Amino acid sequence: MRCERALNLKRKTREELIAGQRAEQPGWSDAELEPWGDAKQRFNSNVLSVYDQDNAASVDRWVLMSRITCPALLITGDPERGAIVTDTSAAALKALVPQLEIAYVPAAGHNIRRDQFTRYIDVVRGFLTHQQEQRRIAS
C-alpha cells in the first residue's frame, strides 16, 4: 500500500502534487508544500526494493532496531490521517528497544512536524531536556 501510494505520487506533475496536498492538508504553508512536491518529483522508486523479501539487500528493520542502545524517541500520529506507525507496531518496537519513549501527537498524519508543528517541537524539546537532565544526574 505504501509503495503503491509512492508510485502514484511519482506519476503526477509538481503542480498536481502541490494542489492535491494543499487540498488534503490545508494547514500546510507554501513553504512546506513546494519542497514536499519537489521531493516527490525526485523520488526514486528503486528504493522500494528493500521491502522485497527476495532482495539480498533487504533489511530486517526489527533486528537492526533491537540493537539500539541509546535513548530514542518515536513520535506517532493518527493512522487514519496517514501515519504509518500503529499502536501495535509502536508497542512491538518498545519491546525491542526498552528505552524508547513514545509520544503520540493527535491530529497528525505521516508528516507530524508539518501537521502539528508546535506540538512536535514541544515533544522533541521535552525529550531532549529530559535526556540532558539524566546526563547531569548521572555525572
Protein backbone atom coordinates (compact mmCIF):
# COMPACT_ATOMS: atom_id res chain seq x y z
CA MET A 1 0.00 0.00 0.00
CA ARG A 2 2.77 2.43 0.97
CA CYS A 3 4.69 1.55 -2.22
CA GLU A 4 1.60 1.97 -4.39
CA ARG A 5 0.92 5.44 -2.95
CA ALA A 6 4.53 6.47 -3.57
CA LEU A 7 4.37 5.29 -7.16
CA ASN A 8 1.06 7.09 -7.74
CA LEU A 9 2.58 10.32 -6.44
CA LYS A 10 5.53 9.89 -8.78
CA ARG A 11 3.19 9.89 -11.79
CA LYS A 12 1.85 13.39 -11.05
CA THR A 13 3.24 16.73 -12.09
CA ARG A 14 4.66 19.05 -9.44
CA GLU A 15 1.60 21.28 -9.77
CA GLU A 16 -0.79 18.33 -9.36
CA LEU A 17 1.12 17.14 -6.32
CA ILE A 18 1.05 20.53 -4.62
CA ALA A 19 -2.63 21.15 -5.45
CA GLY A 20 -3.62 17.70 -4.16
CA GLN A 21 -1.62 18.05 -0.96
CA ARG A 22 -2.95 21.57 -0.40
CA ALA A 23 -6.49 20.15 -0.60
CA GLU A 24 -5.61 17.28 1.79
CA GLN A 25 -3.56 19.41 4.17
CA PRO A 26 -4.95 22.97 4.14
CA GLY A 27 -2.84 23.88 7.17
CA TRP A 28 0.46 23.40 5.31
CA SER A 29 2.13 26.58 4.07
CA ASP A 30 3.59 27.04 0.58
CA ALA A 31 6.99 26.97 2.28
CA GLU A 32 6.23 23.33 3.16
CA LEU A 33 4.21 22.31 0.10
CA GLU A 34 6.70 23.34 -2.55
CA PRO A 35 9.72 21.41 -1.16
CA TRP A 36 7.37 18.47 -0.46
CA GLY A 37 6.29 18.49 -4.12
CA ASP A 38 9.90 18.76 -5.29
CA ALA A 39 10.89 15.79 -3.13
CA LYS A 40 8.07 13.67 -4.55
CA GLN A 41 9.28 14.51 -8.06
CA ARG A 42 12.83 13.39 -7.18
CA PHE A 43 11.67 10.16 -5.53
CA ASN A 44 13.35 7.08 -7.00
CA SER A 45 11.11 4.00 -6.86
CA ASN A 46 14.18 1.74 -6.76
CA VAL A 47 14.46 2.42 -3.03
CA LEU A 48 11.27 0.41 -2.54
CA SER A 49 13.13 -2.78 -3.44
CA VAL A 50 14.38 -3.02 0.16
CA TYR A 51 10.85 -4.18 1.03
CA ASP A 52 11.10 -7.17 -1.32
CA GLN A 53 11.64 -10.37 0.66
CA ASP A 54 13.69 -11.90 -2.18
CA ASN A 55 16.08 -8.96 -2.35
CA ALA A 56 19.51 -9.81 -0.92
CA ALA A 57 19.81 -6.15 0.11
CA SER A 58 16.56 -6.34 2.06
CA VAL A 59 16.98 -5.06 5.58
CA ASP A 60 15.46 -6.70 8.64
CA ARG A 61 14.50 -3.49 10.40
CA TRP A 62 13.41 -5.32 13.56
CA VAL A 63 16.85 -6.87 14.02
CA LEU A 64 18.53 -3.53 13.43
CA MET A 65 16.23 -1.75 15.83
CA SER A 66 16.86 -4.30 18.57
CA ARG A 67 20.50 -3.14 18.53
CA ILE A 68 19.63 0.43 19.52
CA THR A 69 21.20 1.22 22.89
CA CYS A 70 20.87 5.00 23.11
CA PRO A 71 17.82 6.93 24.25
CA ALA A 72 15.27 7.03 21.45
CA LEU A 73 12.07 8.90 20.69
CA LEU A 74 9.27 7.71 18.43
CA ILE A 75 6.64 10.30 17.59
CA THR A 76 3.41 8.85 16.27
CA GLY A 77 0.29 10.31 14.72
CA ASP A 78 -3.10 9.07 13.57
CA PRO A 79 -3.02 6.18 11.06
CA GLU A 80 -6.37 7.34 9.64
CA ARG A 81 -4.56 10.60 8.73
CA GLY A 82 -1.66 8.75 7.07
CA ALA A 83 0.67 7.97 10.00
CA ILE A 84 2.43 4.68 9.29
CA VAL A 85 3.13 3.60 12.88
CA THR A 86 0.19 1.93 14.61
CA ASP A 87 -0.14 1.38 18.37
CA THR A 88 0.65 -2.29 17.76
CA SER A 89 3.86 -1.63 15.85
CA ALA A 90 4.94 1.03 18.38
CA ALA A 91 4.43 -1.49 21.21
CA ALA A 92 6.43 -4.11 19.28
CA LEU A 93 9.27 -1.64 18.82
CA LYS A 94 9.14 -0.69 22.50
CA ALA A 95 9.57 -4.39 23.35
CA LEU A 96 12.77 -4.43 21.26
CA VAL A 97 14.02 -1.03 22.46
CA PRO A 98 13.05 -0.73 26.13
CA GLN A 99 14.46 2.79 26.48
CA LEU A 100 12.24 4.01 23.65
CA GLU A 101 9.92 6.86 24.55
CA ILE A 102 6.74 7.00 22.50
CA ALA A 103 4.89 10.27 22.06
CA TYR A 104 1.53 10.45 20.31
CA VAL A 105 0.60 13.69 18.57
CA PRO A 106 -3.13 13.87 17.84
CA ALA A 107 -4.46 15.27 14.57
CA ALA A 108 -1.19 14.47 12.78
CA GLY A 109 -0.54 12.06 9.95
CA HIS A 110 2.76 10.89 8.45
CA ASN A 111 4.19 14.43 8.34
CA ILE A 112 3.84 15.14 12.03
CA ARG A 113 6.07 18.22 12.07
CA ARG A 114 4.07 19.77 9.23
CA ASP A 115 0.67 18.80 10.60
CA GLN A 116 1.25 19.79 14.24
CA PHE A 117 4.49 21.77 14.34
CA THR A 118 4.11 23.33 17.80
CA ARG A 119 3.23 20.03 19.45
CA TYR A 120 6.06 18.30 17.56
CA ILE A 121 8.60 20.84 18.81
CA ASP A 122 7.25 20.55 22.36
CA VAL A 123 7.69 16.76 22.27
CA VAL A 124 11.23 16.93 20.86
CA ARG A 125 12.32 19.64 23.31
CA GLY A 126 10.80 17.74 26.22
CA PHE A 127 12.66 14.58 25.22
CA LEU A 128 15.98 16.40 24.79
CA THR A 129 15.57 18.30 28.06
CA HIS A 130 14.87 15.04 29.88
CA GLN A 131 17.97 13.44 28.34
CA GLN A 132 20.08 16.43 29.36
CA GLU A 133 18.77 16.18 32.94
CA GLN A 134 19.51 12.45 33.03
CA ARG A 135 23.11 13.07 31.90
CA ARG A 136 23.53 15.78 34.52
CA ILE A 137 22.25 13.45 37.27
CA ALA A 138 24.50 10.61 36.08
CA SER A 139 27.66 12.73 36.16
